């Protein structure tokens, strides 16, 4: 089944052009370029992407399985387990750049939804 919204967006040349401009602006932003630079460095380091993905998965799991009263203790233990890992400048720089990029994308999404009065 084809996505009706996707078809409708495809029919709107103006929206497609604006989307292309937005994508170009994102890709030309310092935040995105910094994220890509660190991402490429991670990919050139053996097994580092896999270790970062494991770190992310454990972090996600903790934040989504523990109740608020247990989360603080679990997060402290998690931080202790990954303290040495996070001391690696490449890991820290990548995760910081990734966070900045994610925040930029979230900000774009929020502002877009607000601008079109979408709840």
PDB file of N, CA and C in Angstrom:
ATOM      1  N   UNK A   1       0.849  -1.179   0.000  1.00  0.00           N
ATOM      2  CA  UNK A   1       0.000   0.000   0.000  1.00  0.00           C
ATOM      3  C   UNK A   1       0.893   1.240   0.000  1.00  0.00           C
ATOM      4  N   UNK A   2       0.636   2.139  -0.873  1.00  0.00           N
ATOM      5  CA  UNK A   2       1.428   3.363  -1.007  1.00  0.00           C
ATOM      6  C   UNK A   2       0.987   4.395   0.027  1.00  0.00           C
ATOM      7  N   UNK A   3       1.948   5.108   0.560  1.00  0.00           N
ATOM      8  CA  UNK A   3       1.687   6.159   1.542  1.00  0.00           C
ATOM      9  C   UNK A   3       0.958   7.326   0.862  1.00  0.00           C
ATOM     10  N   UNK A   4      -0.271   7.605   1.317  1.00  0.00           N
ATOM     11  CA  UNK A   4      -1.080   8.668   0.719  1.00  0.00           C
ATOM     12  C   UNK A   4      -0.401  10.015   0.919  1.00  0.00           C
ATOM     13  N   UNK A   5       0.120  10.260   2.113  1.00  0.00           N
ATOM     14  CA  UNK A   5       0.788  11.526   2.386  1.00  0.00           C
ATOM     15  C   UNK A   5       2.012  11.697   1.489  1.00  0.00           C
ATOM     16  N   UNK A   6       2.786  10.624   1.326  1.00  0.00           N
ATOM     17  CA  UNK A   6       3.966  10.697   0.467  1.00  0.00           C
ATOM     18  C   UNK A   6       3.575  11.063  -0.956  1.00  0.00           C
ATOM     19  N   UNK A   7       2.481  10.499  -1.443  1.00  0.00           N
ATOM     20  CA  UNK A   7       2.008  10.801  -2.787  1.00  0.00           C
ATOM     21  C   UNK A   7       1.603  12.265  -2.872  1.00  0.00           C
ATOM     22  N   UNK A   8       0.918  12.743  -1.865  1.00  0.00           N
ATOM     23  CA  UNK A   8       0.487  14.140  -1.870  1.00  0.00           C
ATOM     24  C   UNK A   8       1.671  15.093  -1.815  1.00  0.00           C
ATOM     25  N   UNK A   9       2.669  14.766  -1.018  1.00  0.00           N
ATOM     26  CA  UNK A   9       3.869  15.611  -0.972  1.00  0.00           C
ATOM     27  C   UNK A   9       4.550  15.604  -2.329  1.00  0.00           C
ATOM     28  N   UNK A  10       4.607  14.446  -2.945  1.00  0.00           N
ATOM     29  CA  UNK A  10       5.219  14.331  -4.262  1.00  0.00           C
ATOM     30  C   UNK A  10       4.505  15.167  -5.303  1.00  0.00           C
ATOM     31  N   UNK A  11       3.213  15.374  -5.119  1.00  0.00           N
ATOM     32  CA  UNK A  11       2.434  16.174  -6.067  1.00  0.00           C
ATOM     33  C   UNK A  11       2.672  17.668  -5.891  1.00  0.00           C
ATOM     34  N   UNK A  12       3.163  18.080  -4.743  1.00  0.00           N
ATOM     35  CA  UNK A  12       3.377  19.494  -4.463  1.00  0.00           C
ATOM     36  C   UNK A  12       4.822  19.872  -4.779  1.00  0.00           C
ATOM     37  N   UNK A  13       5.007  20.461  -5.934  1.00  0.00           N
ATOM     38  CA  UNK A  13       6.339  20.852  -6.374  1.00  0.00           C
ATOM     39  C   UNK A  13       6.939  21.873  -5.412  1.00  0.00           C
ATOM     40  N   UNK A  14       6.129  22.801  -4.949  1.00  0.00           N
ATOM     41  CA  UNK A  14       6.619  23.824  -4.032  1.00  0.00           C
ATOM     42  C   UNK A  14       7.150  23.211  -2.740  1.00  0.00           C
ATOM     43  N   UNK A  15       6.422  22.246  -2.200  1.00  0.00           N
ATOM     44  CA  UNK A  15       6.852  21.591  -0.962  1.00  0.00           C
ATOM     45  C   UNK A  15       8.128  20.794  -1.223  1.00  0.00           C
ATOM     46  N   UNK A  16       8.186  20.094  -2.334  1.00  0.00           N
ATOM     47  CA  UNK A  16       9.385  19.325  -2.683  1.00  0.00           C
ATOM     48  C   UNK A  16      10.599  20.240  -2.819  1.00  0.00           C
ATOM     49  N   UNK A  17      10.416  21.384  -3.467  1.00  0.00           N
ATOM     50  CA  UNK A  17      11.518  22.327  -3.635  1.00  0.00           C
ATOM     51  C   UNK A  17      11.962  22.889  -2.288  1.00  0.00           C
ATOM     52  N   UNK A  18      10.999  23.245  -1.444  1.00  0.00           N
ATOM     53  CA  UNK A  18      11.320  23.778  -0.123  1.00  0.00           C
ATOM     54  C   UNK A  18      12.020  22.716   0.727  1.00  0.00           C
ATOM     55  N   UNK A  19      11.559  21.481   0.608  1.00  0.00           N
ATOM     56  CA  UNK A  19      12.192  20.383   1.333  1.00  0.00           C
ATOM     57  C   UNK A  19      13.634  20.213   0.871  1.00  0.00           C
ATOM     58  N   UNK A  20      13.851  20.289  -0.420  1.00  0.00           N
ATOM     59  CA  UNK A  20      15.212  20.203  -0.958  1.00  0.00           C
ATOM     60  C   UNK A  20      16.101  21.315  -0.425  1.00  0.00           C
ATOM     61  N   UNK A  21      15.544  22.510  -0.314  1.00  0.00           N
ATOM     62  CA  UNK A  21      16.296  23.643   0.227  1.00  0.00           C
ATOM     63  C   UNK A  21      16.607  23.436   1.711  1.00  0.00           C
ATOM     64  N   UNK A  22      15.637  22.891   2.439  1.00  0.00           N
ATOM     65  CA  UNK A  22      15.849  22.623   3.860  1.00  0.00           C
ATOM     66  C   UNK A  22      16.949  21.570   4.042  1.00  0.00           C
ATOM     67  N   UNK A  23      16.884  20.506   3.270  1.00  0.00           N
ATOM     68  CA  UNK A  23      17.904  19.463   3.344  1.00  0.00           C
ATOM     69  C   UNK A  23      19.275  20.043   3.027  1.00  0.00           C
ATOM     70  N   UNK A  24      19.361  20.863   1.994  1.00  0.00           N
ATOM     71  CA  UNK A  24      20.640  21.491   1.632  1.00  0.00           C
ATOM     72  C   UNK A  24      21.145  22.378   2.765  1.00  0.00           C
ATOM     73  N   UNK A  25      20.241  23.143   3.381  1.00  0.00           N
ATOM     74  CA  UNK A  25      20.635  24.014   4.490  1.00  0.00           C
ATOM     75  C   UNK A  25      21.138  23.197   5.675  1.00  0.00           C
ATOM     76  N   UNK A  26      20.471  22.084   5.957  1.00  0.00           N
ATOM     77  CA  UNK A  26      20.912  21.204   7.052  1.00  0.00           C
ATOM     78  C   UNK A  26      22.301  20.662   6.742  1.00  0.00           C
ATOM     79  N   UNK A  27      22.477  20.139   5.531  1.00  0.00           N
ATOM     80  CA  UNK A  27      23.770  19.558   5.155  1.00  0.00           C
ATOM     81  C   UNK A  27      24.892  20.591   5.116  1.00  0.00           C
ATOM     82  N   UNK A  28      24.568  21.845   4.883  1.00  0.00           N
ATOM     83  CA  UNK A  28      25.569  22.906   4.854  1.00  0.00           C
ATOM     84  C   UNK A  28      25.821  23.525   6.228  1.00  0.00           C
ATOM     85  N   UNK A  29      25.048  23.126   7.229  1.00  0.00           N
ATOM     86  CA  UNK A  29      25.209  23.699   8.563  1.00  0.00           C
ATOM     87  C   UNK A  29      26.488  23.175   9.220  1.00  0.00           C
ATOM     88  N   UNK A  30      27.069  24.013  10.054  1.00  0.00           N
ATOM     89  CA  UNK A  30      28.262  23.609  10.800  1.00  0.00           C
ATOM     90  C   UNK A  30      27.978  22.410  11.684  1.00  0.00           C
ATOM     91  N   UNK A  31      26.792  22.382  12.283  1.00  0.00           N
ATOM     92  CA  UNK A  31      26.420  21.284  13.187  1.00  0.00           C
ATOM     93  C   UNK A  31      26.415  19.960  12.447  1.00  0.00           C
ATOM     94  N   UNK A  32      25.810  19.923  11.269  1.00  0.00           N
ATOM     95  CA  UNK A  32      25.760  18.684  10.493  1.00  0.00           C
ATOM     96  C   UNK A  32      27.154  18.280  10.017  1.00  0.00           C
ATOM     97  N   UNK A  33      27.907  19.239   9.517  1.00  0.00           N
ATOM     98  CA  UNK A  33      29.254  18.918   9.014  1.00  0.00           C
ATOM     99  C   UNK A  33      30.140  18.389  10.136  1.00  0.00           C
ATOM    100  N   UNK A  34      30.009  18.967  11.308  1.00  0.00           N
ATOM    101  CA  UNK A  34      30.788  18.489  12.465  1.00  0.00           C
ATOM    102  C   UNK A  34      30.360  17.070  12.834  1.00  0.00           C
ATOM    103  N   UNK A  35      29.070  16.818  12.847  1.00  0.00           N
ATOM    104  CA  UNK A  35      28.563  15.470  13.120  1.00  0.00           C
ATOM    105  C   UNK A  35      29.107  14.468  12.101  1.00  0.00           C
ATOM    106  N   UNK A  36      29.035  14.794  10.817  1.00  0.00           N
ATOM    107  CA  UNK A  36      29.521  13.881   9.769  1.00  0.00           C
ATOM    108  C   UNK A  36      31.028  13.640   9.902  1.00  0.00           C
ATOM    109  N   UNK A  37      31.774  14.694  10.234  1.00  0.00           N
ATOM    110  CA  UNK A  37      33.222  14.561  10.389  1.00  0.00           C
ATOM    111  C   UNK A  37      33.549  13.564  11.502  1.00  0.00           C
ATOM    112  N   UNK A  38      32.890  13.702  12.626  1.00  0.00           N
ATOM    113  CA  UNK A  38      33.132  12.782  13.747  1.00  0.00           C
ATOM    114  C   UNK A  38      32.607  11.383  13.439  1.00  0.00           C
ATOM    115  N   UNK A  39      31.500  11.304  12.740  1.00  0.00           N
ATOM    116  CA  UNK A  39      30.945  10.004  12.370  1.00  0.00           C
ATOM    117  C   UNK A  39      31.915   9.238  11.467  1.00  0.00           C
ATOM    118  N   UNK A  40      32.508   9.937  10.517  1.00  0.00           N
ATOM    119  CA  UNK A  40      33.482   9.293   9.625  1.00  0.00           C
ATOM    120  C   UNK A  40      34.723   8.847  10.391  1.00  0.00           C
ATOM    121  N   UNK A  41      35.145   9.631  11.364  1.00  0.00           N
ATOM    122  CA  UNK A  41      36.291   9.238  12.190  1.00  0.00           C
ATOM    123  C   UNK A  41      35.962   7.982  12.991  1.00  0.00           C
ATOM    124  N   UNK A  42      34.750   7.903  13.519  1.00  0.00           N
ATOM    125  CA  UNK A  42      34.320   6.718  14.261  1.00  0.00           C
ATOM    126  C   UNK A  42      34.357   5.498  13.349  1.00  0.00           C
ATOM    127  N   UNK A  43      33.866   5.657  12.120  1.00  0.00           N
ATOM    128  CA  UNK A  43      33.820   4.532  11.189  1.00  0.00           C
ATOM    129  C   UNK A  43      35.214   4.041  10.788  1.00  0.00           C
ATOM    130  N   UNK A  44      36.200   4.917  10.868  1.00  0.00           N
ATOM    131  CA  UNK A  44      37.568   4.512  10.520  1.00  0.00           C
ATOM    132  C   UNK A  44      38.294   3.822  11.675  1.00  0.00           C
ATOM    133  N   UNK A  45      37.665   3.787  12.847  1.00  0.00           N
ATOM    134  CA  UNK A  45      38.270   3.164  14.023  1.00  0.00           C
ATOM    135  C   UNK A  45      37.598   1.818  14.257  1.00  0.00           C
ATOM    136  N   UNK A  46      38.386   0.771  14.204  1.00  0.00           N
ATOM    137  CA  UNK A  46      37.859  -0.590  14.277  1.00  0.00           C
ATOM    138  C   UNK A  46      36.953  -0.812  15.486  1.00  0.00           C
ATOM    139  N   UNK A  47      35.793  -1.349  15.232  1.00  0.00           N
ATOM    140  CA  UNK A  47      34.796  -1.741  16.240  1.00  0.00           C
ATOM    141  C   UNK A  47      34.211  -0.585  17.052  1.00  0.00           C
ATOM    142  N   UNK A  48      34.613   0.640  16.793  1.00  0.00           N
ATOM    143  CA  UNK A  48      34.120   1.738  17.615  1.00  0.00           C
ATOM    144  C   UNK A  48      32.637   2.001  17.385  1.00  0.00           C
ATOM    145  N   UNK A  49      32.176   1.933  16.141  1.00  0.00           N
ATOM    146  CA  UNK A  49      30.744   2.147  15.864  1.00  0.00           C
ATOM    147  C   UNK A  49      29.916   1.116  16.628  1.00  0.00           C
ATOM    148  N   UNK A  50      30.376  -0.121  16.634  1.00  0.00           N
ATOM    149  CA  UNK A  50      29.658  -1.185  17.337  1.00  0.00           C
ATOM    150  C   UNK A  50      29.592  -0.896  18.841  1.00  0.00           C
ATOM    151  N   UNK A  51      30.694  -0.431  19.408  1.00  0.00           N
ATOM    152  CA  UNK A  51      30.724  -0.111  20.838  1.00  0.00           C
ATOM    153  C   UNK A  51      29.817   1.081  21.156  1.00  0.00           C
ATOM    154  N   UNK A  52      29.809   2.066  20.290  1.00  0.00           N
ATOM    155  CA  UNK A  52      28.922   3.221  20.491  1.00  0.00           C
ATOM    156  C   UNK A  52      27.465   2.787  20.393  1.00  0.00           C
ATOM    157  N   UNK A  53      27.155   1.928  19.446  1.00  0.00           N
ATOM    158  CA  UNK A  53      25.779   1.436  19.310  1.00  0.00           C
ATOM    159  C   UNK A  53      25.357   0.637  20.538  1.00  0.00           C
ATOM    160  N   UNK A  54      26.272  -0.135  21.089  1.00  0.00           N
ATOM    161  CA  UNK A  54      25.987  -0.889  22.313  1.00  0.00           C
ATOM    162  C   UNK A  54      25.724   0.080  23.467  1.00  0.00           C
ATOM    163  N   UNK A  55      26.551   1.110  23.569  1.00  0.00           N
ATOM    164  CA  UNK A  55      26.376   2.128  24.607  1.00  0.00           C
ATOM    165  C   UNK A  55      25.003   2.792  24.468  1.00  0.00           C
ATOM    166  N   UNK A  56      24.633   3.172  23.258  1.00  0.00           N
ATOM    167  CA  UNK A  56      23.328   3.797  23.017  1.00  0.00           C
ATOM    168  C   UNK A  56      22.182   2.862  23.395  1.00  0.00           C
ATOM    169  N   UNK A  57      22.299   1.594  22.994  1.00  0.00           N
ATOM    170  CA  UNK A  57      21.239   0.618  23.272  1.00  0.00           C
ATOM    171  C   UNK A  57      21.056   0.429  24.775  1.00  0.00           C
ATOM    172  N   UNK A  58      22.157   0.316  25.507  1.00  0.00           N
ATOM    173  CA  UNK A  58      22.074   0.166  26.968  1.00  0.00           C
ATOM    174  C   UNK A  58      21.459   1.410  27.596  1.00  0.00           C
ATOM    175  N   UNK A  59      21.851   2.572  27.124  1.00  0.00           N
ATOM    176  CA  UNK A  59      21.312   3.826  27.644  1.00  0.00           C
ATOM    177  C   UNK A  59      19.808   3.903  27.385  1.00  0.00           C
ATOM    178  N   UNK A  60      19.393   3.596  26.164  1.00  0.00           N
ATOM    179  CA  UNK A  60      17.977   3.602  25.804  1.00  0.00           C
ATOM    180  C   UNK A  60      17.197   2.615  26.674  1.00  0.00           C
ATOM    181  N   UNK A  61      17.741   1.424  26.825  1.00  0.00           N
ATOM    182  CA  UNK A  61      17.086   0.386  27.627  1.00  0.00           C
ATOM    183  C   UNK A  61      16.888   0.859  29.069  1.00  0.00           C
ATOM    184  N   UNK A  62      17.933   1.434  29.646  1.00  0.00           N
ATOM    185  CA  UNK A  62      17.836   1.930  31.021  1.00  0.00           C
ATOM    186  C   UNK A  62      16.731   2.974  31.157  1.00  0.00           C
ATOM    187  N   UNK A  63      16.712   3.922  30.249  1.00  0.00           N
ATOM    188  CA  UNK A  63      15.767   5.022  30.352  1.00  0.00           C
ATOM    189  C   UNK A  63      14.326   4.582  30.095  1.00  0.00           C
ATOM    190  N   UNK A  64      14.151   3.425  29.463  1.00  0.00           N
ATOM    191  CA  UNK A  64      12.803   2.987  29.123  1.00  0.00           C
ATOM    192  C   UNK A  64      12.320   1.779  29.915  1.00  0.00           C
ATOM    193  N   UNK A  65      13.136   1.247  30.824  1.00  0.00           N
ATOM    194  CA  UNK A  65      12.696   0.083  31.582  1.00  0.00           C
ATOM    195  C   UNK A  65      12.637   0.332  33.077  1.00  0.00           C
ATOM    196  N   UNK A  66      13.373   1.299  33.568  1.00  0.00           N
ATOM    197  CA  UNK A  66      13.397   1.548  35.004  1.00  0.00           C
ATOM    198  C   UNK A  66      12.356   2.586  35.389  1.00  0.00           C
ATOM    199  N   UNK A  67      11.813   2.412  36.581  1.00  0.00           N
ATOM    200  CA  UNK A  67      10.903   3.410  37.130  1.00  0.00           C
ATOM    201  C   UNK A  67      11.727   4.574  37.657  1.00  0.00           C
ATOM    202  N   UNK A  68      11.106   5.712  37.775  1.00  0.00           N
ATOM    203  CA  UNK A  68      11.811   6.941  38.159  1.00  0.00           C
ATOM    204  C   UNK A  68      12.643   6.765  39.419  1.00  0.00           C
ATOM    205  N   UNK A  69      12.108   6.070  40.406  1.00  0.00           N
ATOM    206  CA  UNK A  69      12.832   5.923  41.676  1.00  0.00           C
ATOM    207  C   UNK A  69      14.074   5.040  41.536  1.00  0.00           C
ATOM    208  N   UNK A  70      14.098   4.135  40.586  1.00  0.00           N
ATOM    209  CA  UNK A  70      15.252   3.260  40.372  1.00  0.00           C
ATOM    210  C   UNK A  70      16.193   3.784  39.290  1.00  0.00           C
ATOM    211  N   UNK A  71      15.726   4.714  38.497  1.00  0.00           N
ATOM    212  CA  UNK A  71      16.501   5.175  37.346  1.00  0.00           C
ATOM    213  C   UNK A  71      17.799   5.854  37.751  1.00  0.00           C
ATOM    214  N   UNK A  72      17.777   6.659  38.773  1.00  0.00           N
ATOM    215  CA  UNK A  72      18.975   7.372  39.193  1.00  0.00           C
ATOM    216  C   UNK A  72      20.095   6.407  39.558  1.00  0.00           C
ATOM    217  N   UNK A  73      19.789   5.391  40.359  1.00  0.00           N
ATOM    218  CA  UNK A  73      20.803   4.401  40.733  1.00  0.00           C
ATOM    219  C   UNK A  73      21.300   3.636  39.512  1.00  0.00           C
ATOM    220  N   UNK A  74      20.385   3.257  38.642  1.00  0.00           N
ATOM    221  CA  UNK A  74      20.762   2.512  37.436  1.00  0.00           C
ATOM    222  C   UNK A  74      21.645   3.361  36.531  1.00  0.00           C
ATOM    223  N   UNK A  75      21.314   4.636  36.388  1.00  0.00           N
ATOM    224  CA  UNK A  75      22.114   5.524  35.536  1.00  0.00           C
ATOM    225  C   UNK A  75      23.498   5.763  36.136  1.00  0.00           C
ATOM    226  N   UNK A  76      23.585   5.888  37.456  1.00  0.00           N
ATOM    227  CA  UNK A  76      24.893   6.046  38.097  1.00  0.00           C
ATOM    228  C   UNK A  76      25.772   4.829  37.842  1.00  0.00           C
ATOM    229  N   UNK A  77      25.184   3.643  37.943  1.00  0.00           N
ATOM    230  CA  UNK A  77      25.942   2.409  37.673  1.00  0.00           C
ATOM    231  C   UNK A  77      26.359   2.348  36.208  1.00  0.00           C
ATOM    232  N   UNK A  78      25.452   2.715  35.326  1.00  0.00           N
ATOM    233  CA  UNK A  78      25.744   2.748  33.889  1.00  0.00           C
ATOM    234  C   UNK A  78      26.903   3.697  33.608  1.00  0.00           C
ATOM    235  N   UNK A  79      26.869   4.876  34.195  1.00  0.00           N
ATOM    236  CA  UNK A  79      27.937   5.856  33.988  1.00  0.00           C
ATOM    237  C   UNK A  79      29.270   5.340  34.511  1.00  0.00           C
ATOM    238  N   UNK A  80      29.242   4.631  35.636  1.00  0.00           N
ATOM    239  CA  UNK A  80      30.490   4.034  36.156  1.00  0.00           C
ATOM    240  C   UNK A  80      31.034   2.982  35.185  1.00  0.00           C
ATOM    241  N   UNK A  81      30.148   2.161  34.653  1.00  0.00           N
ATOM    242  CA  UNK A  81      30.567   1.099  33.730  1.00  0.00           C
ATOM    243  C   UNK A  81      31.188   1.672  32.457  1.00  0.00           C
ATOM    244  N   UNK A  82      30.674   2.802  32.009  1.00  0.00           N
ATOM    245  CA  UNK A  82      31.129   3.373  30.744  1.00  0.00           C
ATOM    246  C   UNK A  82      32.043   4.593  30.922  1.00  0.00           C
ATOM    247  N   UNK A  83      32.511   4.810  32.133  1.00  0.00           N
ATOM    248  CA  UNK A  83      33.344   5.987  32.393  1.00  0.00           C
ATOM    249  C   UNK A  83      34.592   6.003  31.517  1.00  0.00           C
ATOM    250  N   UNK A  84      35.325   4.921  31.473  1.00  0.00           N
ATOM    251  CA  UNK A  84      36.548   4.851  30.648  1.00  0.00           C
ATOM    252  C   UNK A  84      36.210   5.018  29.171  1.00  0.00           C
ATOM    253  N   UNK A  85      35.147   4.401  28.732  1.00  0.00           N
ATOM    254  CA  UNK A  85      34.716   4.501  27.339  1.00  0.00           C
ATOM    255  C   UNK A  85      34.463   5.951  26.970  1.00  0.00           C
ATOM    256  N   UNK A  86      33.764   6.688  27.847  1.00  0.00           N
ATOM    257  CA  UNK A  86      33.431   8.086  27.568  1.00  0.00           C
ATOM    258  C   UNK A  86      34.649   8.998  27.662  1.00  0.00           C
ATOM    259  N   UNK A  87      35.726   8.535  28.276  1.00  0.00           N
ATOM    260  CA  UNK A  87      36.952   9.338  28.363  1.00  0.00           C
ATOM    261  C   UNK A  87      37.700   9.377  27.029  1.00  0.00           C
ATOM    262  N   UNK A  88      37.375   8.464  26.139  1.00  0.00           N
ATOM    263  CA  UNK A  88      37.993   8.465  24.806  1.00  0.00           C
ATOM    264  C   UNK A  88      37.531   9.736  24.086  1.00  0.00           C
ATOM    265  N   UNK A  89      38.475  10.618  23.720  1.00  0.00           N
ATOM    266  CA  UNK A  89      38.078  11.877  23.081  1.00  0.00           C
ATOM    267  C   UNK A  89      37.235  11.679  21.822  1.00  0.00           C
ATOM    268  N   UNK A  90      37.539  10.653  21.044  1.00  0.00           N
ATOM    269  CA  UNK A  90      36.777  10.400  19.825  1.00  0.00           C
ATOM    270  C   UNK A  90      35.322  10.065  20.149  1.00  0.00           C
ATOM    271  N   UNK A  91      35.118   9.235  21.159  1.00  0.00           N
ATOM    272  CA  UNK A  91      33.759   8.869  21.578  1.00  0.00           C
ATOM    273  C   UNK A  91      33.024  10.107  22.083  1.00  0.00           C
ATOM    274  N   UNK A  92      33.663  10.857  22.954  1.00  0.00           N
ATOM    275  CA  UNK A  92      33.028  12.039  23.540  1.00  0.00           C
ATOM    276  C   UNK A  92      32.703  13.083  22.479  1.00  0.00           C
ATOM    277  N   UNK A  93      33.633  13.325  21.564  1.00  0.00           N
ATOM    278  CA  UNK A  93      33.396  14.307  20.506  1.00  0.00           C
ATOM    279  C   UNK A  93      32.270  13.871  19.582  1.00  0.00           C
ATOM    280  N   UNK A  94      32.255  12.577  19.244  1.00  0.00           N
ATOM    281  CA  UNK A  94      31.186  12.080  18.379  1.00  0.00           C
ATOM    282  C   UNK A  94      29.829  12.205  19.068  1.00  0.00           C
ATOM    283  N   UNK A  95      29.725  11.737  20.312  1.00  0.00           N
ATOM    284  CA  UNK A  95      28.444  11.778  21.010  1.00  0.00           C
ATOM    285  C   UNK A  95      27.969  13.216  21.221  1.00  0.00           C
ATOM    286  N   UNK A  96      28.880  14.132  21.461  1.00  0.00           N
ATOM    287  CA  UNK A  96      28.513  15.548  21.601  1.00  0.00           C
ATOM    288  C   UNK A  96      28.015  16.119  20.279  1.00  0.00           C
ATOM    289  N   UNK A  97      28.704  15.789  19.192  1.00  0.00           N
ATOM    290  CA  UNK A  97      28.290  16.265  17.870  1.00  0.00           C
ATOM    291  C   UNK A  97      26.948  15.657  17.480  1.00  0.00           C
ATOM    292  N   UNK A  98      26.761  14.391  17.793  1.00  0.00           N
ATOM    293  CA  UNK A  98      25.500  13.725  17.492  1.00  0.00           C
ATOM    294  C   UNK A  98      24.353  14.366  18.278  1.00  0.00           C
ATOM    295  N   UNK A  99      24.592  14.663  19.538  1.00  0.00           N
ATOM    296  CA  UNK A  99      23.567  15.298  20.363  1.00  0.00           C
ATOM    297  C   UNK A  99      23.205  16.676  19.807  1.00  0.00           C
ATOM    298  N   UNK A 100      24.195  17.443  19.415  1.00  0.00           N
ATOM    299  CA  UNK A 100      23.926  18.770  18.843  1.00  0.00           C
ATOM    300  C   UNK A 100      23.095  18.643  17.566  1.00  0.00           C
ATOM    301  N   UNK A 101      23.421  17.663  16.729  1.00  0.00           N
ATOM    302  CA  UNK A 101      22.666  17.454  15.494  1.00  0.00           C
ATOM    303  C   UNK A 101      21.231  17.025  15.809  1.00  0.00           C
ATOM    304  N   UNK A 102      21.057  16.114  16.750  1.00  0.00           N
ATOM    305  CA  UNK A 102      19.711  15.661  17.127  1.00  0.00           C
ATOM    306  C   UNK A 102      18.880  16.820  17.663  1.00  0.00           C
ATOM    307  N   UNK A 103      19.500  17.678  18.467  1.00  0.00           N
ATOM    308  CA  UNK A 103      18.770  18.829  19.000  1.00  0.00           C
ATOM    309  C   UNK A 103      18.366  19.791  17.893  1.00  0.00           C
ATOM    310  N   UNK A 104      19.249  19.972  16.918  1.00  0.00           N
ATOM    311  CA  UNK A 104      18.914  20.832  15.793  1.00  0.00           C
ATOM    312  C   UNK A 104      17.716  20.253  15.031  1.00  0.00           C
ATOM    313  N   UNK A 105      17.722  18.951  14.777  1.00  0.00           N
ATOM    314  CA  UNK A 105      16.624  18.317  14.050  1.00  0.00           C
ATOM    315  C   UNK A 105      15.325  18.393  14.846  1.00  0.00           C
ATOM    316  N   UNK A 106      15.394  18.210  16.161  1.00  0.00           N
ATOM    317  CA  UNK A 106      14.207  18.331  16.996  1.00  0.00           C
ATOM    318  C   UNK A 106      13.659  19.753  16.956  1.00  0.00           C
ATOM    319  N   UNK A 107      14.554  20.725  17.000  1.00  0.00           N
ATOM    320  CA  UNK A 107      14.142  22.123  16.943  1.00  0.00           C
ATOM    321  C   UNK A 107      13.442  22.426  15.616  1.00  0.00           C
ATOM    322  N   UNK A 108      13.979  21.902  14.534  1.00  0.00           N
ATOM    323  CA  UNK A 108      13.351  22.087  13.219  1.00  0.00           C
ATOM    324  C   UNK A 108      11.948  21.487  13.219  1.00  0.00           C
ATOM    325  N   UNK A 109      11.825  20.281  13.737  1.00  0.00           N
ATOM    326  CA  UNK A 109      10.528  19.611  13.768  1.00  0.00           C
ATOM    327  C   UNK A 109       9.517  20.393  14.609  1.00  0.00           C
ATOM    328  N   UNK A 110       9.943  20.868  15.764  1.00  0.00           N
ATOM    329  CA  UNK A 110       9.052  21.626  16.643  1.00  0.00           C
ATOM    330  C   UNK A 110       8.608  22.928  15.970  1.00  0.00           C
ATOM    331  N   UNK A 111       9.574  23.651  15.410  1.00  0.00           N
ATOM    332  CA  UNK A 111       9.241  24.932  14.775  1.00  0.00           C
ATOM    333  C   UNK A 111       8.344  24.733  13.555  1.00  0.00           C
ATOM    334  N   UNK A 112       8.574  23.680  12.802  1.00  0.00           N
ATOM    335  CA  UNK A 112       7.732  23.393  11.654  1.00  0.00           C
ATOM    336  C   UNK A 112       6.306  23.075  12.090  1.00  0.00           C
ATOM    337  N   UNK A 113       6.169  22.230  13.105  1.00  0.00           N
ATOM    338  CA  UNK A 113       4.833  21.879  13.599  1.00  0.00           C
ATOM    339  C   UNK A 113       4.109  23.104  14.146  1.00  0.00           C
ATOM    340  N   UNK A 114       4.831  23.956  14.863  1.00  0.00           N
ATOM    341  CA  UNK A 114       4.218  25.177  15.403  1.00  0.00           C
ATOM    342  C   UNK A 114       3.817  26.135  14.275  1.00  0.00           C
ATOM    343  N   UNK A 115       4.663  26.249  13.264  1.00  0.00           N
ATOM    344  CA  UNK A 115       4.400  27.201  12.175  1.00  0.00           C
ATOM    345  C   UNK A 115       3.144  26.842  11.385  1.00  0.00           C
ATOM    346  N   UNK A 116       2.842  25.560  11.294  1.00  0.00           N
ATOM    347  CA  UNK A 116       1.658  25.154  10.530  1.00  0.00           C
ATOM    348  C   UNK A 116       0.472  24.827  11.464  1.00  0.00           C
ATOM    349  N   UNK A 117       0.626  25.181  12.739  1.00  0.00           N
ATOM    350  CA  UNK A 117      -0.424  24.977  13.733  1.00  0.00           C
ATOM    351  C   UNK A 117      -0.835  23.512  13.787  1.00  0.00           C
ATOM    352  N   UNK A 118       0.161  22.634  13.894  1.00  0.00           N
ATOM    353  CA  UNK A 118      -0.079  21.194  13.972  1.00  0.00           C
ATOM    354  C   UNK A 118       0.112  20.745  15.411  1.00  0.00           C
ATOM    355  N   UNK A 119      -0.903  20.116  15.959  1.00  0.00           N
ATOM    356  CA  UNK A 119      -0.830  19.686  17.358  1.00  0.00           C
ATOM    357  C   UNK A 119      -0.385  18.265  17.475  1.00  0.00           C
TER     358      UNK A 119
END
